[in-house]
Amino acid sequence: MSNDVTDDQIQALAATARPFSFAQLRWGPERHQDGADAIERQHQRRMVSLRAEGVIAVLCPVVSDTVAGVAIMTEPHERAQEIMAADPCVQAGMMTCEVHPCLGFPGDALPQ
């Protein structure tokens, strides 16, 4: 880690921050219910569609027994909550979702 970052650089970056929403999906008590595979496929199709529409800027499925995935959403907090509450896995109790307002920096991206 470099200590060469100046306070001016930090302030300049902070000035570019834009509001986003951070959604964290966790596996719920009904994860293994009858028909779970079909419901999860609906969830996956919906999340990829939201990504293609630009509603989700970064989509990260998580390989875990507790956390199902995270998404950085371009929608305001309340709208992001509504979108995620309508998710098929959330509605079926297979996942729970917490949405938090967050800030991000335009141009940040996952490496190729």
N, C-alpha and C. Protein backbone atom coordinates (compact mmCIF):
# COMPACT_ATOMS: atom_id res chain seq x y z
N MET A 1 0.85 -1.18 0.00
CA MET A 1 0.00 0.00 0.00
C MET A 1 0.89 1.23 0.00
N SER A 2 0.47 2.21 -0.78
CA SER A 2 1.27 3.42 -0.91
C SER A 2 0.77 4.51 0.03
N ASN A 3 1.68 5.22 0.63
CA ASN A 3 1.35 6.36 1.47
C ASN A 3 1.48 7.66 0.70
N ASP A 4 1.58 7.58 -0.64
CA ASP A 4 1.81 8.75 -1.46
C ASP A 4 0.53 9.52 -1.81
N VAL A 5 -0.60 9.08 -1.31
CA VAL A 5 -1.87 9.76 -1.59
C VAL A 5 -1.97 10.98 -0.68
N THR A 6 -2.25 12.12 -1.30
CA THR A 6 -2.33 13.36 -0.54
C THR A 6 -3.76 13.65 -0.11
N ASP A 7 -3.91 14.54 0.86
CA ASP A 7 -5.23 14.97 1.29
C ASP A 7 -5.98 15.62 0.13
N ASP A 8 -5.29 16.36 -0.71
CA ASP A 8 -5.92 16.98 -1.87
C ASP A 8 -6.47 15.93 -2.83
N GLN A 9 -5.74 14.85 -3.03
CA GLN A 9 -6.21 13.78 -3.90
C GLN A 9 -7.46 13.10 -3.32
N ILE A 10 -7.45 12.91 -2.03
CA ILE A 10 -8.61 12.30 -1.36
C ILE A 10 -9.83 13.21 -1.51
N GLN A 11 -9.65 14.50 -1.28
CA GLN A 11 -10.75 15.45 -1.40
C GLN A 11 -11.26 15.55 -2.83
N ALA A 12 -10.36 15.50 -3.79
CA ALA A 12 -10.76 15.55 -5.20
C ALA A 12 -11.59 14.32 -5.57
N LEU A 13 -11.17 13.16 -5.10
CA LEU A 13 -11.94 11.94 -5.37
C LEU A 13 -13.30 12.02 -4.67
N ALA A 14 -13.31 12.42 -3.42
CA ALA A 14 -14.57 12.52 -2.66
C ALA A 14 -15.55 13.44 -3.36
N ALA A 15 -15.08 14.46 -4.01
CA ALA A 15 -15.95 15.42 -4.69
C ALA A 15 -16.67 14.78 -5.89
N THR A 16 -16.16 13.65 -6.39
CA THR A 16 -16.78 12.99 -7.53
C THR A 16 -17.79 11.92 -7.11
N ALA A 17 -17.92 11.66 -5.82
CA ALA A 17 -18.80 10.59 -5.33
C ALA A 17 -20.24 10.82 -5.76
N ARG A 18 -20.88 9.72 -6.15
CA ARG A 18 -22.28 9.74 -6.54
C ARG A 18 -23.04 8.73 -5.69
N PRO A 19 -24.34 9.00 -5.45
CA PRO A 19 -25.13 8.05 -4.64
C PRO A 19 -25.50 6.79 -5.44
N PHE A 20 -25.38 5.68 -4.77
CA PHE A 20 -25.80 4.38 -5.28
C PHE A 20 -26.50 3.65 -4.14
N SER A 21 -26.93 2.44 -4.39
CA SER A 21 -27.48 1.59 -3.35
C SER A 21 -26.73 0.26 -3.35
N PHE A 22 -26.47 -0.25 -2.17
CA PHE A 22 -25.76 -1.51 -1.99
C PHE A 22 -26.78 -2.54 -1.50
N ALA A 23 -26.98 -3.61 -2.27
CA ALA A 23 -27.91 -4.67 -1.89
C ALA A 23 -27.13 -5.92 -1.53
N GLN A 24 -27.44 -6.46 -0.37
CA GLN A 24 -26.81 -7.72 0.06
C GLN A 24 -27.91 -8.77 0.22
N LEU A 25 -27.78 -9.83 -0.55
CA LEU A 25 -28.72 -10.95 -0.48
C LEU A 25 -28.10 -12.05 0.37
N ARG A 26 -28.89 -12.55 1.32
CA ARG A 26 -28.44 -13.65 2.18
C ARG A 26 -29.41 -14.81 2.00
N TRP A 27 -28.89 -16.01 2.11
CA TRP A 27 -29.76 -17.18 2.01
C TRP A 27 -30.73 -17.19 3.18
N GLY A 28 -31.99 -17.50 2.90
CA GLY A 28 -33.04 -17.52 3.90
C GLY A 28 -33.45 -18.93 4.29
N PRO A 29 -34.41 -19.01 5.19
CA PRO A 29 -34.82 -20.32 5.73
C PRO A 29 -35.49 -21.24 4.72
N GLU A 30 -36.00 -20.69 3.64
CA GLU A 30 -36.70 -21.52 2.64
C GLU A 30 -35.83 -21.81 1.42
N ARG A 31 -34.52 -21.74 1.61
CA ARG A 31 -33.58 -21.91 0.48
C ARG A 31 -33.80 -23.22 -0.28
N HIS A 32 -34.12 -24.28 0.43
CA HIS A 32 -34.20 -25.61 -0.20
C HIS A 32 -35.64 -26.10 -0.34
N GLN A 33 -36.58 -25.20 -0.49
CA GLN A 33 -37.98 -25.58 -0.64
C GLN A 33 -38.22 -26.30 -1.97
N ASP A 34 -39.37 -26.95 -2.08
CA ASP A 34 -39.75 -27.56 -3.35
C ASP A 34 -39.82 -26.48 -4.42
N GLY A 35 -39.26 -26.76 -5.57
CA GLY A 35 -39.28 -25.80 -6.68
C GLY A 35 -38.21 -24.72 -6.59
N ALA A 36 -37.27 -24.87 -5.66
CA ALA A 36 -36.25 -23.84 -5.43
C ALA A 36 -35.40 -23.58 -6.68
N ASP A 37 -35.09 -24.61 -7.43
CA ASP A 37 -34.25 -24.41 -8.62
C ASP A 37 -34.93 -23.49 -9.64
N ALA A 38 -36.22 -23.69 -9.86
CA ALA A 38 -36.95 -22.85 -10.81
C ALA A 38 -37.06 -21.41 -10.31
N ILE A 39 -37.28 -21.25 -9.03
CA ILE A 39 -37.37 -19.90 -8.45
C ILE A 39 -36.03 -19.20 -8.55
N GLU A 40 -34.95 -19.91 -8.26
CA GLU A 40 -33.62 -19.32 -8.35
C GLU A 40 -33.28 -18.94 -9.80
N ARG A 41 -33.72 -19.73 -10.76
CA ARG A 41 -33.49 -19.40 -12.17
C ARG A 41 -34.23 -18.11 -12.53
N GLN A 42 -35.45 -17.92 -12.01
CA GLN A 42 -36.19 -16.67 -12.23
C GLN A 42 -35.41 -15.49 -11.63
N HIS A 43 -34.89 -15.69 -10.43
CA HIS A 43 -34.07 -14.67 -9.75
C HIS A 43 -32.86 -14.31 -10.62
N GLN A 44 -32.15 -15.32 -11.10
CA GLN A 44 -30.96 -15.08 -11.91
C GLN A 44 -31.30 -14.32 -13.19
N ARG A 45 -32.37 -14.73 -13.85
CA ARG A 45 -32.79 -14.06 -15.08
C ARG A 45 -33.12 -12.59 -14.79
N ARG A 46 -33.80 -12.34 -13.69
CA ARG A 46 -34.18 -10.98 -13.31
C ARG A 46 -32.95 -10.13 -12.99
N MET A 47 -32.02 -10.67 -12.22
CA MET A 47 -30.82 -9.92 -11.84
C MET A 47 -29.98 -9.58 -13.07
N VAL A 48 -29.82 -10.54 -13.99
CA VAL A 48 -29.05 -10.28 -15.21
C VAL A 48 -29.78 -9.25 -16.08
N SER A 49 -31.10 -9.30 -16.11
CA SER A 49 -31.88 -8.30 -16.85
C SER A 49 -31.70 -6.92 -16.26
N LEU A 50 -31.74 -6.82 -14.92
CA LEU A 50 -31.53 -5.53 -14.25
C LEU A 50 -30.13 -4.99 -14.54
N ARG A 51 -29.17 -5.87 -14.62
CA ARG A 51 -27.80 -5.47 -14.99
C ARG A 51 -27.77 -4.94 -16.41
N ALA A 52 -28.41 -5.65 -17.33
CA ALA A 52 -28.43 -5.23 -18.74
C ALA A 52 -29.13 -3.88 -18.91
N GLU A 53 -30.12 -3.60 -18.06
CA GLU A 53 -30.86 -2.34 -18.11
C GLU A 53 -30.11 -1.19 -17.43
N GLY A 54 -29.02 -1.50 -16.73
CA GLY A 54 -28.27 -0.47 -16.02
C GLY A 54 -28.76 -0.18 -14.62
N VAL A 55 -29.75 -0.92 -14.16
CA VAL A 55 -30.26 -0.76 -12.79
C VAL A 55 -29.23 -1.31 -11.80
N ILE A 56 -28.55 -2.37 -12.19
CA ILE A 56 -27.45 -2.92 -11.40
C ILE A 56 -26.16 -2.60 -12.16
N ALA A 57 -25.27 -1.87 -11.49
CA ALA A 57 -23.98 -1.50 -12.10
C ALA A 57 -22.94 -2.60 -11.92
N VAL A 58 -22.97 -3.25 -10.76
CA VAL A 58 -22.03 -4.33 -10.46
C VAL A 58 -22.82 -5.45 -9.82
N LEU A 59 -22.74 -6.64 -10.38
CA LEU A 59 -23.45 -7.81 -9.89
C LEU A 59 -22.43 -8.86 -9.47
N CYS A 60 -22.50 -9.29 -8.22
CA CYS A 60 -21.52 -10.26 -7.70
C CYS A 60 -22.22 -11.40 -6.97
N PRO A 61 -22.48 -12.51 -7.64
CA PRO A 61 -22.93 -13.69 -6.90
C PRO A 61 -21.82 -14.11 -5.93
N VAL A 62 -22.21 -14.60 -4.78
CA VAL A 62 -21.23 -14.98 -3.75
C VAL A 62 -21.33 -16.48 -3.53
N VAL A 63 -20.19 -17.14 -3.49
CA VAL A 63 -20.14 -18.58 -3.23
C VAL A 63 -20.00 -18.77 -1.73
N SER A 64 -21.14 -18.98 -1.07
CA SER A 64 -21.16 -19.04 0.39
C SER A 64 -22.44 -19.76 0.83
N ASP A 65 -22.41 -20.31 2.01
CA ASP A 65 -23.62 -20.91 2.58
C ASP A 65 -24.50 -19.88 3.26
N THR A 66 -24.02 -18.65 3.40
CA THR A 66 -24.79 -17.61 4.09
C THR A 66 -25.13 -16.43 3.18
N VAL A 67 -24.15 -15.91 2.46
CA VAL A 67 -24.38 -14.77 1.58
C VAL A 67 -24.61 -15.28 0.16
N ALA A 68 -25.69 -14.81 -0.48
CA ALA A 68 -26.02 -15.25 -1.83
C ALA A 68 -25.41 -14.34 -2.89
N GLY A 69 -25.31 -13.03 -2.59
CA GLY A 69 -24.76 -12.12 -3.56
C GLY A 69 -24.84 -10.68 -3.11
N VAL A 70 -24.18 -9.81 -3.86
CA VAL A 70 -24.24 -8.37 -3.61
C VAL A 70 -24.40 -7.67 -4.96
N ALA A 71 -25.00 -6.50 -4.91
CA ALA A 71 -25.18 -5.71 -6.12
C ALA A 71 -25.06 -4.24 -5.77
N ILE A 72 -24.38 -3.51 -6.63
CA ILE A 72 -24.37 -2.05 -6.54
C ILE A 72 -25.42 -1.58 -7.54
N MET A 73 -26.42 -0.88 -7.02
CA MET A 73 -27.55 -0.46 -7.85
C MET A 73 -27.51 1.04 -8.10
N THR A 74 -27.94 1.43 -9.29
CA THR A 74 -27.93 2.84 -9.68
C THR A 74 -29.19 3.57 -9.22
N GLU A 75 -30.10 2.88 -8.61
CA GLU A 75 -31.36 3.46 -8.16
C GLU A 75 -31.22 4.04 -6.75
N PRO A 76 -32.03 5.05 -6.42
CA PRO A 76 -32.05 5.57 -5.05
C PRO A 76 -32.46 4.48 -4.07
N HIS A 77 -32.10 4.65 -2.82
CA HIS A 77 -32.31 3.65 -1.77
C HIS A 77 -33.73 3.09 -1.75
N GLU A 78 -34.73 3.95 -1.68
CA GLU A 78 -36.11 3.47 -1.56
C GLU A 78 -36.54 2.67 -2.79
N ARG A 79 -36.16 3.13 -3.97
CA ARG A 79 -36.51 2.41 -5.19
C ARG A 79 -35.77 1.08 -5.26
N ALA A 80 -34.51 1.07 -4.84
CA ALA A 80 -33.74 -0.18 -4.81
C ALA A 80 -34.38 -1.19 -3.86
N GLN A 81 -34.88 -0.71 -2.72
CA GLN A 81 -35.57 -1.60 -1.79
C GLN A 81 -36.80 -2.22 -2.44
N GLU A 82 -37.57 -1.41 -3.16
CA GLU A 82 -38.77 -1.91 -3.84
C GLU A 82 -38.41 -2.96 -4.88
N ILE A 83 -37.37 -2.68 -5.65
CA ILE A 83 -36.94 -3.61 -6.69
C ILE A 83 -36.54 -4.95 -6.07
N MET A 84 -35.76 -4.90 -5.01
CA MET A 84 -35.28 -6.13 -4.40
C MET A 84 -36.38 -6.87 -3.64
N ALA A 85 -37.34 -6.15 -3.10
CA ALA A 85 -38.46 -6.80 -2.41
C ALA A 85 -39.30 -7.61 -3.39
N ALA A 86 -39.28 -7.26 -4.67
CA ALA A 86 -40.04 -7.97 -5.69
C ALA A 86 -39.28 -9.16 -6.28
N ASP A 87 -38.07 -9.41 -5.81
CA ASP A 87 -37.27 -10.52 -6.32
C ASP A 87 -37.96 -11.85 -6.00
N PRO A 88 -37.99 -12.78 -6.96
CA PRO A 88 -38.65 -14.07 -6.73
C PRO A 88 -38.10 -14.84 -5.52
N CYS A 89 -36.78 -14.86 -5.33
CA CYS A 89 -36.20 -15.58 -4.19
C CYS A 89 -36.52 -14.89 -2.87
N VAL A 90 -36.57 -13.58 -2.87
CA VAL A 90 -36.93 -12.85 -1.65
C VAL A 90 -38.39 -13.12 -1.31
N GLN A 91 -39.26 -13.04 -2.30
CA GLN A 91 -40.68 -13.27 -2.06
C GLN A 91 -40.95 -14.70 -1.60
N ALA A 92 -40.14 -15.65 -2.06
CA ALA A 92 -40.33 -17.05 -1.67
C ALA A 92 -39.67 -17.39 -0.33
N GLY A 93 -38.96 -16.44 0.27
CA GLY A 93 -38.27 -16.71 1.54
C GLY A 93 -36.96 -17.45 1.37
N MET A 94 -36.52 -17.64 0.13
CA MET A 94 -35.24 -18.31 -0.12
C MET A 94 -34.07 -17.41 0.18
N MET A 95 -34.28 -16.08 0.05
CA MET A 95 -33.26 -15.09 0.34
C MET A 95 -33.89 -13.94 1.12
N THR A 96 -33.04 -13.28 1.88
CA THR A 96 -33.41 -12.00 2.48
C THR A 96 -32.52 -10.95 1.84
N CYS A 97 -32.95 -9.70 1.89
CA CYS A 97 -32.16 -8.65 1.26
C CYS A 97 -32.13 -7.41 2.13
N GLU A 98 -30.94 -6.89 2.32
CA GLU A 98 -30.74 -5.59 2.96
C GLU A 98 -30.22 -4.63 1.90
N VAL A 99 -30.79 -3.43 1.85
CA VAL A 99 -30.35 -2.41 0.92
C VAL A 99 -29.89 -1.20 1.72
N HIS A 100 -28.72 -0.70 1.39
CA HIS A 100 -28.14 0.45 2.10
C HIS A 100 -27.74 1.51 1.08
N PRO A 101 -27.94 2.79 1.42
CA PRO A 101 -27.40 3.83 0.55
C PRO A 101 -25.88 3.82 0.65
N CYS A 102 -25.22 4.08 -0.45
CA CYS A 102 -23.76 4.13 -0.45
C CYS A 102 -23.31 5.16 -1.48
N LEU A 103 -22.03 5.42 -1.50
CA LEU A 103 -21.42 6.31 -2.47
C LEU A 103 -20.43 5.53 -3.31
N GLY A 104 -20.31 5.92 -4.57
CA GLY A 104 -19.35 5.29 -5.46
C GLY A 104 -18.69 6.35 -6.32
N PHE A 105 -17.65 5.97 -6.99
CA PHE A 105 -16.88 6.91 -7.79
C PHE A 105 -17.01 6.53 -9.26
N PRO A 106 -17.58 7.43 -10.09
CA PRO A 106 -17.75 7.14 -11.51
C PRO A 106 -16.42 6.70 -12.13
N GLY A 107 -16.52 5.64 -12.93
CA GLY A 107 -15.33 5.10 -13.59
C GLY A 107 -14.74 3.91 -12.87
N ASP A 108 -15.08 3.71 -11.59
CA ASP A 108 -14.60 2.50 -10.90
C ASP A 108 -15.19 1.29 -11.61
N ALA A 109 -14.42 0.23 -11.69
CA ALA A 109 -14.87 -0.99 -12.36
C ALA A 109 -14.07 -2.17 -11.87
N LEU A 110 -14.62 -3.34 -12.05
CA LEU A 110 -13.87 -4.56 -11.76
C LEU A 110 -12.81 -4.74 -12.85
N PRO A 111 -11.65 -5.24 -12.51
CA PRO A 111 -10.63 -5.47 -13.54
C PRO A 111 -11.09 -6.56 -14.52
N GLN A 112 -10.64 -6.46 -15.75
CA GLN A 112 -10.98 -7.46 -16.78
C GLN A 112 -10.26 -8.75 -16.51
